[in-house]
Amino acid sequence: MKITESTVSADPIVVIMGPTASGKSALALELARKRGGEIVSVDSMQFYRGLEIGTAQPTAEEQMEIPHHLVGCFDFHERIDVFMFQRLADAAIAEIRQRGRLPVLAGGTGLYLRALLYGLDDLPADPGLRKELDAAYDSEAGETALKRRMAELDPAGLARWENCRRRLIRALEVRLLTGKSILELQKNPFDRLRYPVRAWRLDPEPEVLRERIARRARRMLETGWIEEAERAIASGLLETPTAHQALGYRLIAEHLAGRFDFEELHARISTATWQLARRQRTWFRHQHPEAEPLRSGASVPETA
């Protein structure tokens, strides 16, 4: 994907979104080089130090060449939520603009990107209740019991977020506080962008994306991911909420325990990543109408 000097005006922020392994980082780097930009990560796992390989963080060389924000800035024992992300990203964008440079947002965490571009719905929150639900989830048979409760109170919410611990707990919290589903309470955000934006959605053909995922997973595993995971696990990663979101690390722990060999590890990580990518593709298609789609080999329009 080629970008020329006339691609993006200096006024809007630029957003590159898409599923994992679709080429967002490379495109963002190319754009930042050509337009004097700085990159703001919109990836909820790239916040964390010690998970550089497994979360596909930009290399040290890339970060020296182009400033990156919200990458490797927290310990994985710390909990970062969408509200904190919005505050940090707003601050980063303001700082970049003050330097007369172009903010380039790149990432695949759809909820965080939507919160940044459209704002957060003003829904009630009870940190004490959320803590109780978190603890219940971690108790013996707690996940099953919590999902059973969610099925009774908010089956649509369960269907949407069954595989996402944080969002499932948040949905149950809102249901218990309001008596209504979070899906009913959320407003349509598409008429109130918080920033002027030019946004592109990378959307490779499924077979192309699946092959990229498998190839990238093997490269990461062969160049230090297993050793990185071993260090993180020894430092308590699996006992943190981060472990539930950091794809691959639990599978590597099972591999290290001798439950399956390297090839099976690669196959399982590739499958899990592909499942994530499919969910991301669906999210971006439906939740970001402001984004222009780009297939593999396409260019950002010259007239943008």
Protein backbone atom coordinates (compact mmCIF):
# COMPACT_ATOMS: atom_id res chain seq x y z
CA MET A 1 0.00 0.00 0.00
CA LYS A 2 1.56 3.24 -1.15
CA ILE A 3 1.01 6.66 0.35
CA THR A 4 2.01 9.89 -1.34
CA GLU A 5 2.56 13.37 0.05
CA SER A 6 -0.98 14.40 -0.91
CA THR A 7 -2.68 11.51 0.84
CA VAL A 8 -3.93 13.21 4.01
CA SER A 9 -4.45 16.84 4.92
CA ALA A 10 -2.69 18.18 8.00
CA ASP A 11 -5.93 18.90 9.87
CA PRO A 12 -7.66 15.58 10.62
CA ILE A 13 -6.15 12.80 12.62
CA VAL A 14 -5.52 9.66 10.60
CA VAL A 15 -6.81 6.24 11.63
CA ILE A 16 -5.63 2.89 10.30
CA MET A 17 -7.82 0.08 11.64
CA GLY A 18 -8.25 -3.59 10.84
CA PRO A 19 -7.87 -7.14 12.11
CA THR A 20 -4.67 -8.52 13.53
CA ALA A 21 -1.93 -9.28 10.96
CA SER A 22 -3.62 -7.15 8.28
CA GLY A 23 -0.68 -4.76 7.87
CA LYS A 24 -1.81 -1.81 10.01
CA SER A 25 1.59 -1.15 11.57
CA ALA A 26 3.46 -1.13 8.27
CA LEU A 27 0.94 1.23 6.69
CA ALA A 28 0.98 3.54 9.71
CA LEU A 29 4.78 3.68 9.62
CA GLU A 30 4.78 4.50 5.92
CA LEU A 31 2.25 7.27 6.43
CA ALA A 32 4.08 8.70 9.45
CA ARG A 33 7.35 8.81 7.49
CA LYS A 34 5.80 10.65 4.55
CA ARG A 35 3.64 13.08 6.52
CA GLY A 36 5.74 13.86 9.58
CA GLY A 37 3.51 11.85 11.86
CA GLU A 38 3.68 10.13 15.23
CA ILE A 39 1.86 6.87 15.90
CA VAL A 40 -0.66 6.29 18.69
CA SER A 41 -1.30 2.60 19.34
CA VAL A 42 -4.93 1.51 19.66
CA ASP A 43 -4.09 -1.97 20.89
CA SER A 44 -5.09 -2.86 24.43
CA MET A 45 -2.23 -5.36 24.80
CA GLN A 46 0.58 -3.22 23.42
CA PHE A 47 0.39 -1.09 26.57
CA TYR A 48 2.37 -3.69 28.46
CA ARG A 49 6.09 -4.12 28.99
CA GLY A 50 7.45 -7.64 28.82
CA LEU A 51 4.98 -8.78 26.16
CA GLU A 52 6.70 -7.17 23.18
CA ILE A 53 6.87 -10.18 20.86
CA GLY A 54 3.52 -11.75 21.65
CA THR A 55 1.63 -8.47 21.19
CA ALA A 56 3.56 -7.56 18.01
CA GLN A 57 4.83 -4.25 19.37
CA PRO A 58 6.91 -2.06 17.04
CA THR A 59 10.61 -2.80 17.18
CA ALA A 60 13.08 -0.60 19.03
CA GLU A 61 14.40 0.58 15.65
CA GLU A 62 10.92 1.56 14.47
CA GLN A 63 10.26 3.45 17.70
CA MET A 64 13.56 5.31 17.35
CA GLU A 65 12.66 6.32 13.80
CA ILE A 66 9.02 7.28 14.46
CA PRO A 67 7.71 8.25 17.91
CA HIS A 68 5.12 5.77 19.19
CA HIS A 69 2.67 6.46 22.01
CA LEU A 70 0.93 4.01 24.38
CA VAL A 71 3.38 1.21 23.66
CA GLY A 72 5.18 -0.64 26.45
CA CYS A 73 4.31 1.99 29.05
CA PHE A 74 2.69 -0.14 31.79
CA ASP A 75 3.55 -3.25 33.76
CA PHE A 76 1.26 -6.15 32.92
CA HIS A 77 0.13 -6.31 36.55
CA GLU A 78 -1.57 -2.93 36.04
CA ARG A 79 -5.11 -2.83 34.75
CA ILE A 80 -5.90 -0.47 31.88
CA ASP A 81 -9.51 0.09 30.83
CA VAL A 82 -11.19 1.96 28.02
CA PHE A 83 -11.68 5.10 30.15
CA MET A 84 -7.96 5.36 30.91
CA PHE A 85 -7.12 4.66 27.28
CA GLN A 86 -9.35 7.50 26.12
CA ARG A 87 -7.67 9.96 28.50
CA LEU A 88 -4.16 8.84 27.53
CA ALA A 89 -4.89 8.88 23.80
CA ASP A 90 -6.50 12.33 23.97
CA ALA A 91 -3.38 13.62 25.74
CA ALA A 92 -1.06 12.01 23.19
CA ILE A 93 -3.01 13.47 20.26
CA ALA A 94 -2.91 16.95 21.83
CA GLU A 95 0.86 16.71 22.39
CA ILE A 96 1.48 15.56 18.82
CA ARG A 97 -0.60 18.41 17.41
CA GLN A 98 1.21 20.94 19.60
CA ARG A 99 4.45 19.83 17.94
CA GLY A 100 2.90 20.48 14.55
CA ARG A 101 2.91 16.81 13.64
CA LEU A 102 0.24 14.43 12.38
CA PRO A 103 -1.40 11.97 14.82
CA VAL A 104 -1.62 8.54 13.18
CA LEU A 105 -3.76 6.07 15.11
CA ALA A 106 -3.25 2.38 14.36
CA GLY A 107 -4.69 -0.68 16.01
CA GLY A 108 -7.27 -3.40 16.23
CA THR A 109 -8.99 -2.93 19.61
CA GLY A 110 -12.36 -1.87 18.30
CA LEU A 111 -13.99 -0.80 21.56
CA TYR A 112 -11.07 1.50 22.41
CA LEU A 113 -11.07 3.06 18.97
CA ARG A 114 -14.81 3.66 19.04
CA ALA A 115 -14.53 5.25 22.49
CA LEU A 116 -11.80 7.58 21.26
CA LEU A 117 -13.57 8.63 18.06
CA TYR A 118 -17.18 8.74 19.26
CA GLY A 119 -16.95 9.05 23.02
CA LEU A 120 -18.16 6.82 25.82
CA ASP A 121 -21.78 6.34 26.69
CA ASP A 122 -22.62 7.84 30.07
CA LEU A 123 -23.59 4.54 31.70
CA PRO A 124 -23.64 3.96 35.46
CA ALA A 125 -20.70 2.28 37.13
CA ASP A 126 -20.12 0.71 40.53
CA PRO A 127 -16.45 -0.19 41.10
CA GLY A 128 -17.36 -2.23 44.19
CA LEU A 129 -19.87 -4.34 42.29
CA ARG A 130 -17.41 -4.79 39.43
CA LYS A 131 -14.78 -5.99 41.89
CA GLU A 132 -17.26 -8.51 43.32
CA LEU A 133 -18.11 -9.80 39.84
CA ASP A 134 -14.41 -10.05 39.00
CA ALA A 135 -13.78 -12.11 42.12
CA ALA A 136 -16.80 -14.30 41.42
CA TYR A 137 -15.54 -14.96 37.89
CA ASP A 138 -12.22 -16.19 39.30
CA SER A 139 -13.80 -18.49 41.88
CA GLU A 140 -14.27 -22.22 41.31
CA ALA A 141 -16.95 -22.68 38.64
CA GLY A 142 -17.39 -18.90 38.80
CA GLU A 143 -17.17 -18.28 35.07
CA THR A 144 -19.90 -20.84 34.39
CA ALA A 145 -22.14 -19.43 37.13
CA LEU A 146 -21.65 -15.84 35.97
CA LYS A 147 -22.48 -16.75 32.37
CA ARG A 148 -25.57 -18.64 33.55
CA ARG A 149 -26.69 -15.53 35.41
CA MET A 150 -26.01 -13.39 32.36
CA ALA A 151 -28.03 -15.80 30.22
CA GLU A 152 -31.02 -15.26 32.50
CA LEU A 153 -30.70 -11.47 32.71
CA ASP A 154 -29.25 -10.44 29.35
CA PRO A 155 -29.01 -13.25 26.79
CA ALA A 156 -28.22 -10.82 23.97
CA GLY A 157 -25.30 -9.42 25.95
CA LEU A 158 -24.03 -12.92 26.68
CA ALA A 159 -24.17 -13.82 22.99
CA ARG A 160 -22.21 -10.68 22.12
CA TRP A 161 -19.51 -10.90 24.82
CA GLU A 162 -19.34 -14.52 26.01
CA ASN A 163 -15.65 -14.75 25.12
CA CYS A 164 -14.58 -11.36 26.49
CA ARG A 165 -14.30 -11.38 30.27
CA ARG A 166 -14.04 -7.62 30.80
CA ARG A 167 -16.95 -6.68 28.59
CA LEU A 168 -19.10 -9.51 29.93
CA ILE A 169 -18.55 -8.35 33.51
CA ARG A 170 -19.25 -4.74 32.52
CA ALA A 171 -22.48 -5.78 30.79
CA LEU A 172 -23.65 -7.68 33.87
CA GLU A 173 -22.70 -4.72 36.09
CA VAL A 174 -24.85 -2.37 33.99
CA ARG A 175 -27.74 -4.86 33.93
CA LEU A 176 -27.71 -5.20 37.72
CA LEU A 177 -27.51 -1.42 38.22
CA THR A 178 -30.17 -0.37 35.71
CA GLY A 179 -32.36 -3.39 35.08
CA LYS A 180 -31.67 -2.96 31.37
CA SER A 181 -29.25 -4.45 28.88
CA ILE A 182 -26.20 -2.36 28.05
CA LEU A 183 -27.20 -2.89 24.41
CA GLU A 184 -30.47 -1.03 25.05
CA LEU A 185 -28.73 1.82 26.84
CA GLN A 186 -25.93 2.45 24.38
CA LYS A 187 -26.65 5.32 22.06
CA ASN A 188 -25.95 5.29 18.37
CA PRO A 189 -22.58 7.08 18.26
CA PHE A 190 -22.23 7.59 14.54
CA ASP A 191 -23.32 11.24 14.42
CA ARG A 192 -20.83 12.68 16.91
CA LEU A 193 -17.21 12.18 15.98
CA ARG A 194 -14.91 13.76 18.57
CA TYR A 195 -12.17 14.47 16.02
CA PRO A 196 -12.04 15.26 12.32
CA VAL A 197 -10.69 12.03 10.89
CA ARG A 198 -9.59 10.28 7.74
CA ALA A 199 -9.94 6.59 8.44
CA TRP A 200 -9.09 3.46 6.50
CA ARG A 201 -10.08 -0.09 7.30
CA LEU A 202 -7.69 -2.79 6.14
CA ASP A 203 -9.73 -5.76 4.98
CA PRO A 204 -7.60 -8.48 3.37
CA GLU A 205 -9.30 -11.43 1.73
CA PRO A 206 -9.93 -14.13 4.36
CA GLU A 207 -7.56 -16.67 2.81
CA VAL A 208 -4.81 -14.06 2.58
CA LEU A 209 -5.30 -12.99 6.19
CA ARG A 210 -5.36 -16.56 7.48
CA GLU A 211 -2.07 -17.33 5.73
CA ARG A 212 -0.49 -14.16 7.15
CA ILE A 213 -1.62 -15.10 10.64
CA ALA A 214 -0.07 -18.57 10.44
CA ARG A 215 3.17 -17.22 8.99
CA ARG A 216 3.46 -14.49 11.61
CA ALA A 217 2.69 -16.86 14.48
CA ARG A 218 5.48 -19.21 13.39
CA ARG A 219 7.96 -16.35 13.02
CA MET A 220 7.11 -15.00 16.48
CA LEU A 221 7.41 -18.42 18.10
CA GLU A 222 10.75 -19.04 16.41
CA THR A 223 12.22 -15.67 17.37
CA GLY A 224 11.70 -15.49 21.10
CA TRP A 225 8.00 -15.53 21.96
CA ILE A 226 8.25 -18.77 23.95
CA GLU A 227 11.15 -17.41 26.01
CA GLU A 228 9.32 -14.11 26.52
CA ALA A 229 6.24 -15.98 27.73
CA GLU A 230 8.32 -18.10 30.09
CA ARG A 231 9.74 -14.94 31.71
CA ALA A 232 6.32 -13.30 31.96
CA ILE A 233 4.74 -16.41 33.44
CA ALA A 234 7.53 -16.60 36.02
CA SER A 235 6.70 -12.98 36.92
CA GLY A 236 3.04 -13.80 37.53
CA LEU A 237 1.37 -13.05 34.19
CA LEU A 238 -1.14 -15.88 34.44
CA GLU A 239 -2.43 -14.52 37.76
CA THR A 240 -3.33 -11.13 36.25
CA PRO A 241 -6.45 -10.00 34.33
CA THR A 242 -4.11 -9.22 31.44
CA ALA A 243 -3.57 -12.95 30.88
CA HIS A 244 -7.21 -13.38 29.90
CA GLN A 245 -6.74 -10.92 27.02
CA ALA A 246 -3.14 -11.59 25.94
CA LEU A 247 -3.62 -14.15 23.21
CA GLY A 248 -1.22 -17.08 23.12
CA TYR A 249 0.46 -16.89 26.50
CA ARG A 250 -1.72 -19.52 28.19
CA LEU A 251 -1.22 -21.83 25.23
CA ILE A 252 2.55 -21.38 25.51
CA ALA A 253 2.27 -22.22 29.22
CA GLU A 254 0.53 -25.48 28.30
CA HIS A 255 3.25 -26.21 25.74
CA LEU A 256 5.94 -25.58 28.35
CA ALA A 257 4.11 -27.99 30.67
CA GLY A 258 4.47 -30.68 28.01
CA ARG A 259 0.82 -30.93 27.00
CA PHE A 260 1.53 -30.61 23.28
CA ASP A 261 4.48 -30.10 20.93
CA PHE A 262 5.63 -27.04 18.99
CA GLU A 263 3.61 -27.77 15.85
CA GLU A 264 0.42 -28.19 17.87
CA LEU A 265 1.21 -24.94 19.70
CA HIS A 266 1.61 -23.15 16.38
CA ALA A 267 -1.66 -24.60 15.09
CA ARG A 268 -3.60 -23.62 18.21
CA ILE A 269 -2.26 -20.07 18.28
CA SER A 270 -2.97 -19.64 14.57
CA THR A 271 -6.54 -20.85 15.05
CA ALA A 272 -7.16 -18.62 18.07
CA THR A 273 -5.71 -15.61 16.23
CA TRP A 274 -7.86 -16.30 13.18
CA GLN A 275 -10.96 -16.44 15.38
CA LEU A 276 -9.99 -13.07 16.86
CA ALA A 277 -9.41 -11.62 13.39
CA ARG A 278 -12.85 -12.71 12.23
CA ARG A 279 -14.48 -10.96 15.19
CA GLN A 280 -12.41 -7.84 14.51
CA ARG A 281 -13.40 -7.78 10.83
CA THR A 282 -17.08 -7.96 11.77
CA TRP A 283 -16.70 -5.23 14.40
CA PHE A 284 -14.93 -2.75 12.13
CA ARG A 285 -17.39 -3.27 9.29
CA HIS A 286 -20.38 -2.50 11.51
CA GLN A 287 -19.01 -0.06 14.08
CA HIS A 288 -16.89 2.28 11.97
CA PRO A 289 -18.86 3.65 9.01
CA GLU A 290 -16.38 6.54 8.76
CA ALA A 291 -13.63 4.17 7.55
CA GLU A 292 -12.90 3.54 3.88
CA PRO A 293 -12.12 -0.14 3.15
CA LEU A 294 -8.80 -1.18 1.64
CA ARG A 295 -8.09 -4.62 0.24
CA SER A 296 -4.63 -6.15 0.00
CA GLY A 297 -2.46 -4.29 -2.47
CA ALA A 298 -4.73 -1.22 -2.55
CA SER A 299 -3.51 2.31 -1.98
CA VAL A 300 -4.84 5.07 0.20
CA PRO A 301 -6.62 7.37 -2.29
CA GLU A 302 -4.56 10.20 -3.73
CA THR A 303 -7.49 12.60 -3.29
CA ALA A 304 -7.84 12.03 0.45
